[in-house]
Amino acid sequence: MEYPEYLAPVLIRFTSESPKKIWCDEGWWTLIANCDKEISAIDPNYTIFQIKEKFGGLRYYCSPSSPIHGSKIDEVIRKYEKICSMTCEVTGKHGYLMKKSFQYKTLNDSYLEQGWARVNE
């Protein structure tokens, strides 16, 4: 997969044991880049293990270079998990948690026509 240049700072943070892959659709990529910018302002030497979508939510697994940064990094990650929970993973527009069969994703209402249904309606 080829990623846009603005994700380069994110990709170089992956550990050597981790694949340099972001496991979500491109609607969240800008948010992931912004999350990285905020975390790197706290800890320029933090490392990433995995970034993915799971059950319609962002999962951002990383490690601070020092334990003193841990709680501030966690705050930033929680902030972006919340933003992603309201952002379509595909388009980047406003989205809702949706379900189709046994799959969950955060999508916009245009996906209702494709058999997706909002969760908790």
PDB file of N, CA and C in Angstrom:
ATOM      1  N   MET A   1       0.839  -1.182   0.000  1.00  0.00           N
ATOM      2  CA  MET A   1       0.000   0.000   0.000  1.00  0.00           C
ATOM      3  C   MET A   1       0.876   1.233   0.000  1.00  0.00           C
ATOM      4  N   GLU A   2       0.526   2.169  -0.823  1.00  0.00           N
ATOM      5  CA  GLU A   2       1.245   3.429  -0.868  1.00  0.00           C
ATOM      6  C   GLU A   2       0.460   4.476  -0.087  1.00  0.00           C
ATOM      7  N   TYR A   3       1.149   5.163   0.793  1.00  0.00           N
ATOM      8  CA  TYR A   3       0.513   6.170   1.645  1.00  0.00           C
ATOM      9  C   TYR A   3       0.913   7.566   1.203  1.00  0.00           C
ATOM     10  N   PRO A   4       0.075   8.565   1.488  1.00  0.00           N
ATOM     11  CA  PRO A   4       0.442   9.940   1.161  1.00  0.00           C
ATOM     12  C   PRO A   4       1.627  10.406   2.021  1.00  0.00           C
ATOM     13  N   GLU A   5       2.309  11.407   1.527  1.00  0.00           N
ATOM     14  CA  GLU A   5       3.516  11.921   2.184  1.00  0.00           C
ATOM     15  C   GLU A   5       3.262  12.360   3.622  1.00  0.00           C
ATOM     16  N   TYR A   6       2.076  12.882   3.914  1.00  0.00           N
ATOM     17  CA  TYR A   6       1.816  13.369   5.273  1.00  0.00           C
ATOM     18  C   TYR A   6       1.817  12.252   6.320  1.00  0.00           C
ATOM     19  N   LEU A   7       1.784  10.984   5.893  1.00  0.00           N
ATOM     20  CA  LEU A   7       1.861   9.867   6.831  1.00  0.00           C
ATOM     21  C   LEU A   7       3.294   9.371   7.049  1.00  0.00           C
ATOM     22  N   ALA A   8       4.256   9.926   6.328  1.00  0.00           N
ATOM     23  CA  ALA A   8       5.648   9.488   6.465  1.00  0.00           C
ATOM     24  C   ALA A   8       6.151   9.572   7.909  1.00  0.00           C
ATOM     25  N   PRO A   9       5.869  10.664   8.647  1.00  0.00           N
ATOM     26  CA  PRO A   9       6.335  10.714  10.037  1.00  0.00           C
ATOM     27  C   PRO A   9       5.731   9.614  10.921  1.00  0.00           C
ATOM     28  N   VAL A  10       4.528   9.200  10.599  1.00  0.00           N
ATOM     29  CA  VAL A  10       3.883   8.120  11.345  1.00  0.00           C
ATOM     30  C   VAL A  10       4.583   6.803  11.025  1.00  0.00           C
ATOM     31  N   LEU A  11       4.788   6.518   9.770  1.00  0.00           N
ATOM     32  CA  LEU A  11       5.338   5.232   9.339  1.00  0.00           C
ATOM     33  C   LEU A  11       6.752   4.991   9.848  1.00  0.00           C
ATOM     34  N   ILE A  12       7.551   6.051   9.981  1.00  0.00           N
ATOM     35  CA  ILE A  12       8.934   5.854  10.459  1.00  0.00           C
ATOM     36  C   ILE A  12       8.985   5.525  11.953  1.00  0.00           C
ATOM     37  N   ARG A  13       7.882   5.726  12.661  1.00  0.00           N
ATOM     38  CA  ARG A  13       7.841   5.432  14.094  1.00  0.00           C
ATOM     39  C   ARG A  13       7.561   3.959  14.405  1.00  0.00           C
ATOM     40  N   PHE A  14       7.123   3.195  13.404  1.00  0.00           N
ATOM     41  CA  PHE A  14       6.847   1.786  13.650  1.00  0.00           C
ATOM     42  C   PHE A  14       8.132   1.060  14.050  1.00  0.00           C
ATOM     43  N   THR A  15       8.019   0.153  15.015  1.00  0.00           N
ATOM     44  CA  THR A  15       9.188  -0.627  15.429  1.00  0.00           C
ATOM     45  C   THR A  15       9.638  -1.510  14.272  1.00  0.00           C
ATOM     46  N   SER A  16      10.870  -1.958  14.328  1.00  0.00           N
ATOM     47  CA  SER A  16      11.393  -2.797  13.245  1.00  0.00           C
ATOM     48  C   SER A  16      10.676  -4.145  13.174  1.00  0.00           C
ATOM     49  N   GLU A  17      10.075  -4.581  14.278  1.00  0.00           N
ATOM     50  CA  GLU A  17       9.343  -5.847  14.293  1.00  0.00           C
ATOM     51  C   GLU A  17       7.919  -5.706  13.757  1.00  0.00           C
ATOM     52  N   SER A  18       7.436  -4.484  13.622  1.00  0.00           N
ATOM     53  CA  SER A  18       6.055  -4.240  13.207  1.00  0.00           C
ATOM     54  C   SER A  18       5.986  -3.895  11.721  1.00  0.00           C
ATOM     55  N   PRO A  19       4.959  -4.406  11.033  1.00  0.00           N
ATOM     56  CA  PRO A  19       4.796  -3.988   9.634  1.00  0.00           C
ATOM     57  C   PRO A  19       4.413  -2.511   9.575  1.00  0.00           C
ATOM     58  N   LYS A  20       4.972  -1.809   8.620  1.00  0.00           N
ATOM     59  CA  LYS A  20       4.656  -0.385   8.441  1.00  0.00           C
ATOM     60  C   LYS A  20       3.357  -0.278   7.660  1.00  0.00           C
ATOM     61  N   LYS A  21       2.266  -0.603   8.347  1.00  0.00           N
ATOM     62  CA  LYS A  21       0.953  -0.624   7.717  1.00  0.00           C
ATOM     63  C   LYS A  21      -0.072  -0.049   8.674  1.00  0.00           C
ATOM     64  N   ILE A  22      -0.945   0.787   8.135  1.00  0.00           N
ATOM     65  CA  ILE A  22      -2.052   1.341   8.901  1.00  0.00           C
ATOM     66  C   ILE A  22      -3.291   0.563   8.480  1.00  0.00           C
ATOM     67  N   TRP A  23      -3.868  -0.157   9.412  1.00  0.00           N
ATOM     68  CA  TRP A  23      -4.943  -1.101   9.138  1.00  0.00           C
ATOM     69  C   TRP A  23      -6.314  -0.440   9.266  1.00  0.00           C
ATOM     70  N   CYS A  24      -6.535   0.619   8.504  1.00  0.00           N
ATOM     71  CA  CYS A  24      -7.851   1.259   8.443  1.00  0.00           C
ATOM     72  C   CYS A  24      -7.957   1.983   7.107  1.00  0.00           C
ATOM     73  N   ASP A  25      -9.163   2.392   6.782  1.00  0.00           N
ATOM     74  CA  ASP A  25      -9.377   3.099   5.520  1.00  0.00           C
ATOM     75  C   ASP A  25      -8.911   4.551   5.624  1.00  0.00           C
ATOM     76  N   GLU A  26      -8.779   5.189   4.482  1.00  0.00           N
ATOM     77  CA  GLU A  26      -8.128   6.491   4.425  1.00  0.00           C
ATOM     78  C   GLU A  26      -8.921   7.661   5.005  1.00  0.00           C
ATOM     79  N   GLY A  27     -10.167   7.459   5.367  1.00  0.00           N
ATOM     80  CA  GLY A  27     -10.927   8.534   6.010  1.00  0.00           C
ATOM     81  C   GLY A  27     -10.359   8.946   7.359  1.00  0.00           C
ATOM     82  N   TRP A  28      -9.597   8.066   7.986  1.00  0.00           N
ATOM     83  CA  TRP A  28      -8.977   8.368   9.281  1.00  0.00           C
ATOM     84  C   TRP A  28      -7.512   8.771   9.166  1.00  0.00           C
ATOM     85  N   TRP A  29      -6.922   8.696   7.998  1.00  0.00           N
ATOM     86  CA  TRP A  29      -5.481   8.930   7.872  1.00  0.00           C
ATOM     87  C   TRP A  29      -5.052  10.308   8.354  1.00  0.00           C
ATOM     88  N   THR A  30      -5.801  11.344   8.023  1.00  0.00           N
ATOM     89  CA  THR A  30      -5.437  12.692   8.475  1.00  0.00           C
ATOM     90  C   THR A  30      -5.510  12.775   9.998  1.00  0.00           C
ATOM     91  N   LEU A  31      -6.519  12.138  10.573  1.00  0.00           N
ATOM     92  CA  LEU A  31      -6.641  12.126  12.034  1.00  0.00           C
ATOM     93  C   LEU A  31      -5.459  11.399  12.671  1.00  0.00           C
ATOM     94  N   ILE A  32      -5.027  10.308  12.065  1.00  0.00           N
ATOM     95  CA  ILE A  32      -3.867   9.570  12.570  1.00  0.00           C
ATOM     96  C   ILE A  32      -2.613  10.432  12.482  1.00  0.00           C
ATOM     97  N   ALA A  33      -2.449  11.151  11.388  1.00  0.00           N
ATOM     98  CA  ALA A  33      -1.295  12.051  11.247  1.00  0.00           C
ATOM     99  C   ALA A  33      -1.335  13.143  12.314  1.00  0.00           C
ATOM    100  N   ASN A  34      -2.521  13.680  12.583  1.00  0.00           N
ATOM    101  CA  ASN A  34      -2.653  14.709  13.617  1.00  0.00           C
ATOM    102  C   ASN A  34      -2.371  14.143  15.006  1.00  0.00           C
ATOM    103  N   CYS A  35      -2.830  12.934  15.253  1.00  0.00           N
ATOM    104  CA  CYS A  35      -2.559  12.262  16.523  1.00  0.00           C
ATOM    105  C   CYS A  35      -1.053  12.106  16.714  1.00  0.00           C
ATOM    106  N   ASP A  36      -0.373  11.666  15.680  1.00  0.00           N
ATOM    107  CA  ASP A  36       1.085  11.515  15.747  1.00  0.00           C
ATOM    108  C   ASP A  36       1.765  12.850  16.041  1.00  0.00           C
ATOM    109  N   LYS A  37       1.307  13.923  15.408  1.00  0.00           N
ATOM    110  CA  LYS A  37       1.912  15.242  15.661  1.00  0.00           C
ATOM    111  C   LYS A  37       1.778  15.638  17.120  1.00  0.00           C
ATOM    112  N   GLU A  38       0.599  15.407  17.695  1.00  0.00           N
ATOM    113  CA  GLU A  38       0.392  15.758  19.100  1.00  0.00           C
ATOM    114  C   GLU A  38       1.231  14.889  20.029  1.00  0.00           C
ATOM    115  N   ILE A  39       1.290  13.596  19.727  1.00  0.00           N
ATOM    116  CA  ILE A  39       2.087  12.707  20.578  1.00  0.00           C
ATOM    117  C   ILE A  39       3.572  13.037  20.454  1.00  0.00           C
ATOM    118  N   SER A  40       4.041  13.294  19.241  1.00  0.00           N
ATOM    119  CA  SER A  40       5.474  13.586  19.061  1.00  0.00           C
ATOM    120  C   SER A  40       5.878  14.910  19.699  1.00  0.00           C
ATOM    121  N   ALA A  41       4.918  15.828  19.890  1.00  0.00           N
ATOM    122  CA  ALA A  41       5.221  17.062  20.615  1.00  0.00           C
ATOM    123  C   ALA A  41       5.455  16.763  22.099  1.00  0.00           C
ATOM    124  N   ILE A  42       4.829  15.721  22.600  1.00  0.00           N
ATOM    125  CA  ILE A  42       5.018  15.287  23.990  1.00  0.00           C
ATOM    126  C   ILE A  42       6.279  14.444  24.115  1.00  0.00           C
ATOM    127  N   ASP A  43       6.454  13.527  23.155  1.00  0.00           N
ATOM    128  CA  ASP A  43       7.553  12.567  23.197  1.00  0.00           C
ATOM    129  C   ASP A  43       8.063  12.312  21.776  1.00  0.00           C
ATOM    130  N   PRO A  44       9.086  13.047  21.359  1.00  0.00           N
ATOM    131  CA  PRO A  44       9.588  12.901  19.982  1.00  0.00           C
ATOM    132  C   PRO A  44      10.147  11.513  19.661  1.00  0.00           C
ATOM    133  N   ASN A  45      10.414  10.702  20.673  1.00  0.00           N
ATOM    134  CA  ASN A  45      11.042   9.401  20.450  1.00  0.00           C
ATOM    135  C   ASN A  45      10.115   8.216  20.722  1.00  0.00           C
ATOM    136  N   TYR A  46       8.814   8.446  20.757  1.00  0.00           N
ATOM    137  CA  TYR A  46       7.902   7.326  20.987  1.00  0.00           C
ATOM    138  C   TYR A  46       7.882   6.409  19.766  1.00  0.00           C
ATOM    139  N   THR A  47       7.464   5.161  19.980  1.00  0.00           N
ATOM    140  CA  THR A  47       7.398   4.190  18.886  1.00  0.00           C
ATOM    141  C   THR A  47       5.982   3.628  18.755  1.00  0.00           C
ATOM    142  N   ILE A  48       5.669   3.191  17.541  1.00  0.00           N
ATOM    143  CA  ILE A  48       4.352   2.635  17.236  1.00  0.00           C
ATOM    144  C   ILE A  48       4.487   1.145  16.965  1.00  0.00           C
ATOM    145  N   PHE A  49       3.535   0.374  17.497  1.00  0.00           N
ATOM    146  CA  PHE A  49       3.467  -1.058  17.228  1.00  0.00           C
ATOM    147  C   PHE A  49       2.409  -1.381  16.187  1.00  0.00           C
ATOM    148  N   GLN A  50       1.250  -0.712  16.314  1.00  0.00           N
ATOM    149  CA  GLN A  50       0.151  -1.009  15.398  1.00  0.00           C
ATOM    150  C   GLN A  50      -0.879   0.112  15.447  1.00  0.00           C
ATOM    151  N   ILE A  51      -1.459   0.403  14.276  1.00  0.00           N
ATOM    152  CA  ILE A  51      -2.590   1.324  14.182  1.00  0.00           C
ATOM    153  C   ILE A  51      -3.633   0.619  13.335  1.00  0.00           C
ATOM    154  N   LYS A  52      -4.857   0.502  13.881  1.00  0.00           N
ATOM    155  CA  LYS A  52      -5.873  -0.231  13.147  1.00  0.00           C
ATOM    156  C   LYS A  52      -7.272   0.194  13.571  1.00  0.00           C
ATOM    157  N   GLU A  53      -8.234  -0.303  12.821  1.00  0.00           N
ATOM    158  CA  GLU A  53      -9.649  -0.189  13.170  1.00  0.00           C
ATOM    159  C   GLU A  53     -10.061  -1.533  13.747  1.00  0.00           C
ATOM    160  N   LYS A  54     -10.817  -1.501  14.834  1.00  0.00           N
ATOM    161  CA  LYS A  54     -11.360  -2.724  15.416  1.00  0.00           C
ATOM    162  C   LYS A  54     -12.722  -2.396  15.988  1.00  0.00           C
ATOM    163  N   PHE A  55     -13.735  -3.146  15.572  1.00  0.00           N
ATOM    164  CA  PHE A  55     -15.116  -2.938  16.021  1.00  0.00           C
ATOM    165  C   PHE A  55     -15.563  -1.494  15.821  1.00  0.00           C
ATOM    166  N   GLY A  56     -15.111  -0.871  14.734  1.00  0.00           N
ATOM    167  CA  GLY A  56     -15.523   0.484  14.392  1.00  0.00           C
ATOM    168  C   GLY A  56     -14.751   1.577  15.101  1.00  0.00           C
ATOM    169  N   GLY A  57     -13.744   1.219  15.872  1.00  0.00           N
ATOM    170  CA  GLY A  57     -12.978   2.216  16.614  1.00  0.00           C
ATOM    171  C   GLY A  57     -11.503   2.190  16.270  1.00  0.00           C
ATOM    172  N   LEU A  58     -10.843   3.317  16.496  1.00  0.00           N
ATOM    173  CA  LEU A  58      -9.408   3.422  16.278  1.00  0.00           C
ATOM    174  C   LEU A  58      -8.675   2.725  17.415  1.00  0.00           C
ATOM    175  N   ARG A  59      -7.653   1.951  17.060  1.00  0.00           N
ATOM    176  CA  ARG A  59      -6.740   1.359  18.036  1.00  0.00           C
ATOM    177  C   ARG A  59      -5.336   1.830  17.655  1.00  0.00           C
ATOM    178  N   TYR A  60      -4.691   2.530  18.557  1.00  0.00           N
ATOM    179  CA  TYR A  60      -3.382   3.141  18.319  1.00  0.00           C
ATOM    180  C   TYR A  60      -2.456   2.616  19.409  1.00  0.00           C
ATOM    181  N   TYR A  61      -1.634   1.637  19.065  1.00  0.00           N
ATOM    182  CA  TYR A  61      -0.766   0.988  20.032  1.00  0.00           C
ATOM    183  C   TYR A  61       0.657   1.528  19.885  1.00  0.00           C
ATOM    184  N   CYS A  62       1.143   2.136  20.954  1.00  0.00           N
ATOM    185  CA  CYS A  62       2.475   2.723  20.896  1.00  0.00           C
ATOM    186  C   CYS A  62       3.139   2.617  22.268  1.00  0.00           C
ATOM    187  N   SER A  63       4.397   3.025  22.318  1.00  0.00           N
ATOM    188  CA  SER A  63       5.157   2.982  23.554  1.00  0.00           C
ATOM    189  C   SER A  63       5.927   4.290  23.712  1.00  0.00           C
ATOM    190  N   PRO A  64       5.811   4.913  24.875  1.00  0.00           N
ATOM    191  CA  PRO A  64       6.588   6.135  25.094  1.00  0.00           C
ATOM    192  C   PRO A  64       8.068   5.799  25.267  1.00  0.00           C
ATOM    193  N   SER A  65       8.915   6.768  25.013  1.00  0.00           N
ATOM    194  CA  SER A  65      10.348   6.548  25.221  1.00  0.00           C
ATOM    195  C   SER A  65      10.688   6.565  26.705  1.00  0.00           C
ATOM    196  N   SER A  66       9.789   7.150  27.508  1.00  0.00           N
ATOM    197  CA  SER A  66       9.962   7.209  28.960  1.00  0.00           C
ATOM    198  C   SER A  66       8.591   7.102  29.618  1.00  0.00           C
ATOM    199  N   PRO A  67       8.489   6.416  30.745  1.00  0.00           N
ATOM    200  CA  PRO A  67       7.199   6.284  31.422  1.00  0.00           C
ATOM    201  C   PRO A  67       6.565   7.621  31.813  1.00  0.00           C
ATOM    202  N   ILE A  68       7.362   8.657  31.939  1.00  0.00           N
ATOM    203  CA  ILE A  68       6.795   9.952  32.356  1.00  0.00           C
ATOM    204  C   ILE A  68       5.843  10.525  31.305  1.00  0.00           C
ATOM    205  N   HIS A  69       5.931  10.051  30.064  1.00  0.00           N
ATOM    206  CA  HIS A  69       5.071  10.551  28.990  1.00  0.00           C
ATOM    207  C   HIS A  69       3.778   9.746  28.835  1.00  0.00           C
ATOM    208  N   GLY A  70       3.700   8.604  29.483  1.00  0.00           N
ATOM    209  CA  GLY A  70       2.607   7.666  29.263  1.00  0.00           C
ATOM    210  C   GLY A  70       1.215   8.244  29.410  1.00  0.00           C
ATOM    211  N   SER A  71       0.934   8.939  30.496  1.00  0.00           N
ATOM    212  CA  SER A  71      -0.439   9.415  30.724  1.00  0.00           C
ATOM    213  C   SER A  71      -0.830  10.506  29.733  1.00  0.00           C
ATOM    214  N   LYS A  72       0.110  11.371  29.377  1.00  0.00           N
ATOM    215  CA  LYS A  72      -0.211  12.421  28.393  1.00  0.00           C
ATOM    216  C   LYS A  72      -0.448  11.818  27.012  1.00  0.00           C
ATOM    217  N   ILE A  73       0.331  10.826  26.645  1.00  0.00           N
ATOM    218  CA  ILE A  73       0.132  10.147  25.366  1.00  0.00           C
ATOM    219  C   ILE A  73      -1.218   9.445  25.358  1.00  0.00           C
ATOM    220  N   ASP A  74      -1.558   8.789  26.454  1.00  0.00           N
ATOM    221  CA  ASP A  74      -2.864   8.120  26.551  1.00  0.00           C
ATOM    222  C   ASP A  74      -4.011   9.107  26.361  1.00  0.00           C
ATOM    223  N   GLU A  75      -3.882  10.308  26.920  1.00  0.00           N
ATOM    224  CA  GLU A  75      -4.917  11.338  26.758  1.00  0.00           C
ATOM    225  C   GLU A  75      -5.104  11.698  25.285  1.00  0.00           C
ATOM    226  N   VAL A  76      -4.004  11.857  24.566  1.00  0.00           N
ATOM    227  CA  VAL A  76      -4.081  12.194  23.141  1.00  0.00           C
ATOM    228  C   VAL A  76      -4.744  11.059  22.366  1.00  0.00           C
ATOM    229  N   ILE A  77      -4.352   9.842  22.644  1.00  0.00           N
ATOM    230  CA  ILE A  77      -4.938   8.698  21.943  1.00  0.00           C
ATOM    231  C   ILE A  77      -6.436   8.622  22.211  1.00  0.00           C
ATOM    232  N   ARG A  78      -6.856   8.795  23.451  1.00  0.00           N
ATOM    233  CA  ARG A  78      -8.300   8.762  23.776  1.00  0.00           C
ATOM    234  C   ARG A  78      -9.053   9.854  23.024  1.00  0.00           C
ATOM    235  N   LYS A  79      -8.435  11.015  22.910  1.00  0.00           N
ATOM    236  CA  LYS A  79      -9.051  12.117  22.160  1.00  0.00           C
ATOM    237  C   LYS A  79      -9.313  11.696  20.711  1.00  0.00           C
ATOM    238  N   TYR A  80      -8.328  11.091  20.069  1.00  0.00           N
ATOM    239  CA  TYR A  80      -8.490  10.700  18.669  1.00  0.00           C
ATOM    240  C   TYR A  80      -9.370   9.464  18.503  1.00  0.00           C
ATOM    241  N   GLU A  81      -9.400   8.599  19.498  1.00  0.00           N
ATOM    242  CA  GLU A  81     -10.363   7.494  19.451  1.00  0.00           C
ATOM    243  C   GLU A  81     -11.790   8.047  19.434  1.00  0.00           C
ATOM    244  N   LYS A  82     -12.031   9.068  20.241  1.00  0.00           N
ATOM    245  CA  LYS A  82     -13.366   9.682  20.286  1.00  0.00           C
ATOM    246  C   LYS A  82     -13.697  10.369  18.961  1.00  0.00           C
ATOM    247  N   ILE A  83     -12.746  11.108  18.405  1.00  0.00           N
ATOM    248  CA  ILE A  83     -12.974  11.787  17.122  1.00  0.00           C
ATOM    249  C   ILE A  83     -13.269  10.754  16.029  1.00  0.00           C
ATOM    250  N   CYS A  84     -12.483   9.684  15.993  1.00  0.00           N
ATOM    251  CA  CYS A  84     -12.693   8.642  14.978  1.00  0.00           C
ATOM    252  C   CYS A  84     -14.036   7.947  15.155  1.00  0.00           C
ATOM    253  N   SER A  85     -14.530   7.868  16.384  1.00  0.00           N
ATOM    254  CA  SER A  85     -15.813   7.214  16.619  1.00  0.00           C
ATOM    255  C   SER A  85     -16.979   7.995  16.012  1.00  0.00           C
ATOM    256  N   MET A  86     -16.699   9.223  15.564  1.00  0.00           N
ATOM    257  CA  MET A  86     -17.725  10.068  14.939  1.00  0.00           C
ATOM    258  C   MET A  86     -17.352  10.446  13.505  1.00  0.00           C
ATOM    259  N   THR A  87     -16.337   9.768  12.955  1.00  0.00           N
ATOM    260  CA  THR A  87     -15.818  10.091  11.625  1.00  0.00           C
ATOM    261  C   THR A  87     -15.845   8.846  10.751  1.00  0.00           C
ATOM    262  N   CYS A  88     -16.420   8.981   9.558  1.00  0.00           N
ATOM    263  CA  CYS A  88     -16.473   7.861   8.623  1.00  0.00           C
ATOM    264  C   CYS A  88     -15.050   7.420   8.276  1.00  0.00           C
ATOM    265  N   GLU A  89     -14.794   6.152   8.469  1.00  0.00           N
ATOM    266  CA  GLU A  89     -13.472   5.610   8.200  1.00  0.00           C
ATOM    267  C   GLU A  89     -13.105   5.680   6.719  1.00  0.00           C
ATOM    268  N   VAL A  90     -14.082   5.666   5.863  1.00  0.00           N
ATOM    269  CA  VAL A  90     -13.827   5.653   4.421  1.00  0.00           C
ATOM    270  C   VAL A  90     -13.698   7.067   3.860  1.00  0.00           C
ATOM    271  N   THR A  91     -14.631   7.953   4.220  1.00  0.00           N
ATOM    272  CA  THR A  91     -14.703   9.269   3.586  1.00  0.00           C
ATOM    273  C   THR A  91     -14.151  10.415   4.426  1.00  0.00           C
ATOM    274  N   GLY A  92     -14.053  10.235   5.734  1.00  0.00           N
ATOM    275  CA  GLY A  92     -13.621  11.316   6.613  1.00  0.00           C
ATOM    276  C   GLY A  92     -14.748  12.261   7.007  1.00  0.00           C
ATOM    277  N   LYS A  93     -15.953  12.008   6.498  1.00  0.00           N
ATOM    278  CA  LYS A  93     -17.114  12.825   6.865  1.00  0.00           C
ATOM    279  C   LYS A  93     -17.665  12.345   8.212  1.00  0.00           C
ATOM    280  N   HIS A  94     -18.699  13.053   8.697  1.00  0.00           N
ATOM    281  CA  HIS A  94     -19.336  12.641   9.948  1.00  0.00           C
ATOM    282  C   HIS A  94     -19.840  11.210   9.803  1.00  0.00           C
ATOM    283  N   GLY A  95     -19.636  10.410  10.835  1.00  0.00           N
ATOM    284  CA  GLY A  95     -20.035   9.018  10.755  1.00  0.00           C
ATOM    285  C   GLY A  95     -20.651   8.506  12.035  1.00  0.00           C
ATOM    286  N   TYR A  96     -21.153   7.286  11.947  1.00  0.00           N
ATOM    287  CA  TYR A  96     -21.817   6.612  13.059  1.00  0.00           C
ATOM    288  C   TYR A  96     -21.326   5.178  13.108  1.00  0.00           C
ATOM    289  N   LEU A  97     -21.363   4.587  14.283  1.00  0.00           N
ATOM    290  CA  LEU A  97     -21.039   3.175  14.382  1.00  0.00           C
ATOM    291  C   LEU A  97     -22.130   2.393  13.661  1.00  0.00           C
ATOM    292  N   MET A  98     -21.725   1.538  12.730  1.00  0.00           N
ATOM    293  CA  MET A  98     -22.666   0.749  11.947  1.00  0.00           C
ATOM    294  C   MET A  98     -22.263  -0.714  11.959  1.00  0.00           C
ATOM    295  N   LYS A  99     -23.248  -1.544  11.670  1.00  0.00           N
ATOM    296  CA  LYS A  99     -23.044  -2.988  11.673  1.00  0.00           C
ATOM    297  C   LYS A  99     -23.632  -3.579  10.406  1.00  0.00           C
ATOM    298  N   LYS A 100     -22.922  -4.560   9.867  1.00  0.00           N
ATOM    299  CA  LYS A 100     -23.404  -5.336   8.728  1.00  0.00           C
ATOM    300  C   LYS A 100     -22.954  -6.762   8.981  1.00  0.00           C
ATOM    301  N   SER A 101     -23.931  -7.639   9.186  1.00  0.00           N
ATOM    302  CA  SER A 101     -23.635  -9.011   9.565  1.00  0.00           C
ATOM    303  C   SER A 101     -22.875  -8.981  10.891  1.00  0.00           C
ATOM    304  N   PHE A 102     -21.647  -9.477  10.926  1.00  0.00           N
ATOM    305  CA  PHE A 102     -20.862  -9.462  12.163  1.00  0.00           C
ATOM    306  C   PHE A 102     -19.743  -8.423  12.124  1.00  0.00           C
ATOM    307  N   GLN A 103     -19.791  -7.517  11.175  1.00  0.00           N
ATOM    308  CA  GLN A 103     -18.743  -6.517  11.008  1.00  0.00           C
ATOM    309  C   GLN A 103     -19.223  -5.162  11.515  1.00  0.00           C
ATOM    310  N   TYR A 104     -18.344  -4.448  12.204  1.00  0.00           N
ATOM    311  CA  TYR A 104     -18.625  -3.098  12.687  1.00  0.00           C
ATOM    312  C   TYR A 104     -17.651  -2.127  12.036  1.00  0.00           C
ATOM    313  N   LYS A 105     -18.151  -0.947  11.658  1.00  0.00           N
ATOM    314  CA  LYS A 105     -17.318   0.129  11.122  1.00  0.00           C
ATOM    315  C   LYS A 105     -18.002   1.445  11.450  1.00  0.00           C
ATOM    316  N   THR A 106     -17.224   2.508  11.493  1.00  0.00           N
ATOM    317  CA  THR A 106     -17.796   3.838  11.617  1.00  0.00           C
ATOM    318  C   THR A 106     -17.901   4.400  10.205  1.00  0.00           C
ATOM    319  N   LEU A 107     -19.133   4.665   9.782  1.00  0.00           N
ATOM    320  CA  LEU A 107     -19.401   5.062   8.402  1.00  0.00           C
ATOM    321  C   LEU A 107     -20.423   6.193   8.368  1.00  0.00           C
ATOM    322  N   ASN A 108     -20.529   6.851   7.215  1.00  0.00           N
ATOM    323  CA  ASN A 108     -21.564   7.880   7.067  1.00  0.00           C
ATOM    324  C   ASN A 108     -22.854   7.239   6.550  1.00  0.00           C
ATOM    325  N   ASP A 109     -23.920   8.029   6.555  1.00  0.00           N
ATOM    326  CA  ASP A 109     -25.243   7.499   6.213  1.00  0.00           C
ATOM    327  C   ASP A 109     -25.360   6.953   4.796  1.00  0.00           C
ATOM    328  N   SER A 110     -24.467   7.313   3.891  1.00  0.00           N
ATOM    329  CA  SER A 110     -24.568   6.778   2.531  1.00  0.00           C
ATOM    330  C   SER A 110     -24.384   5.253   2.520  1.00  0.00           C
ATOM    331  N   TYR A 111     -23.804   4.691   3.552  1.00  0.00           N
ATOM    332  CA  TYR A 111     -23.594   3.241   3.622  1.00  0.00           C
ATOM    333  C   TYR A 111     -24.846   2.485   4.053  1.00  0.00           C
ATOM    334  N   LEU A 112     -25.870   3.201   4.493  1.00  0.00           N
ATOM    335  CA  LEU A 112     -27.139   2.551   4.821  1.00  0.00           C
ATOM    336  C   LEU A 112     -27.709   1.853   3.592  1.00  0.00           C
ATOM    337  N   GLU A 113     -27.478   2.440   2.412  1.00  0.00           N
ATOM    338  CA  GLU A 113     -27.961   1.864   1.154  1.00  0.00           C
ATOM    339  C   GLU A 113     -27.241   0.568   0.790  1.00  0.00           C
ATOM    340  N   GLN A 114     -26.100   0.322   1.422  1.00  0.00           N
ATOM    341  CA  GLN A 114     -25.316  -0.883   1.139  1.00  0.00           C
ATOM    342  C   GLN A 114     -25.523  -1.975   2.190  1.00  0.00           C
ATOM    343  N   GLY A 115     -26.575  -1.837   2.969  1.00  0.00           N
ATOM    344  CA  GLY A 115     -26.899  -2.870   3.938  1.00  0.00           C
ATOM    345  C   GLY A 115     -26.356  -2.657   5.336  1.00  0.00           C
ATOM    346  N   TRP A 116     -25.660  -1.564   5.557  1.00  0.00           N
ATOM    347  CA  TRP A 116     -25.177  -1.241   6.890  1.00  0.00           C
ATOM    348  C   TRP A 116     -26.333  -0.637   7.699  1.00  0.00           C
ATOM    349  N   ALA A 117     -26.329  -0.846   8.991  1.00  0.00           N
ATOM    350  CA  ALA A 117     -27.360  -0.283   9.867  1.00  0.00           C
ATOM    351  C   ALA A 117     -26.677   0.390  11.061  1.00  0.00           C
ATOM    352  N   ARG A 118     -27.211   1.525  11.450  1.00  0.00           N
ATOM    353  CA  ARG A 118     -26.667   2.194  12.635  1.00  0.00           C
ATOM    354  C   ARG A 118     -26.869   1.319  13.867  1.00  0.00           C
ATOM    355  N   VAL A 119     -25.875   1.314  14.710  1.00  0.00           N
ATOM    356  CA  VAL A 119     -25.950   0.595  15.984  1.00  0.00           C
ATOM    357  C   VAL A 119     -26.640   1.515  16.986  1.00  0.00           C
ATOM    358  N   ASN A 120     -27.460   0.939  17.851  1.00  0.00           N
ATOM    359  CA  ASN A 120     -28.169   1.688  18.902  1.00  0.00           C
ATOM    360  C   ASN A 120     -29.230   2.630  18.381  1.00  0.00           C
ATOM    361  N   GLU A 121     -29.964   2.231  17.365  1.00  0.00           N
ATOM    362  CA  GLU A 121     -31.076   3.051  16.885  1.00  0.00           C
ATOM    363  C   GLU A 121     -32.379   2.441  17.327  1.00  0.00           C
TER     364      GLU A 121
END
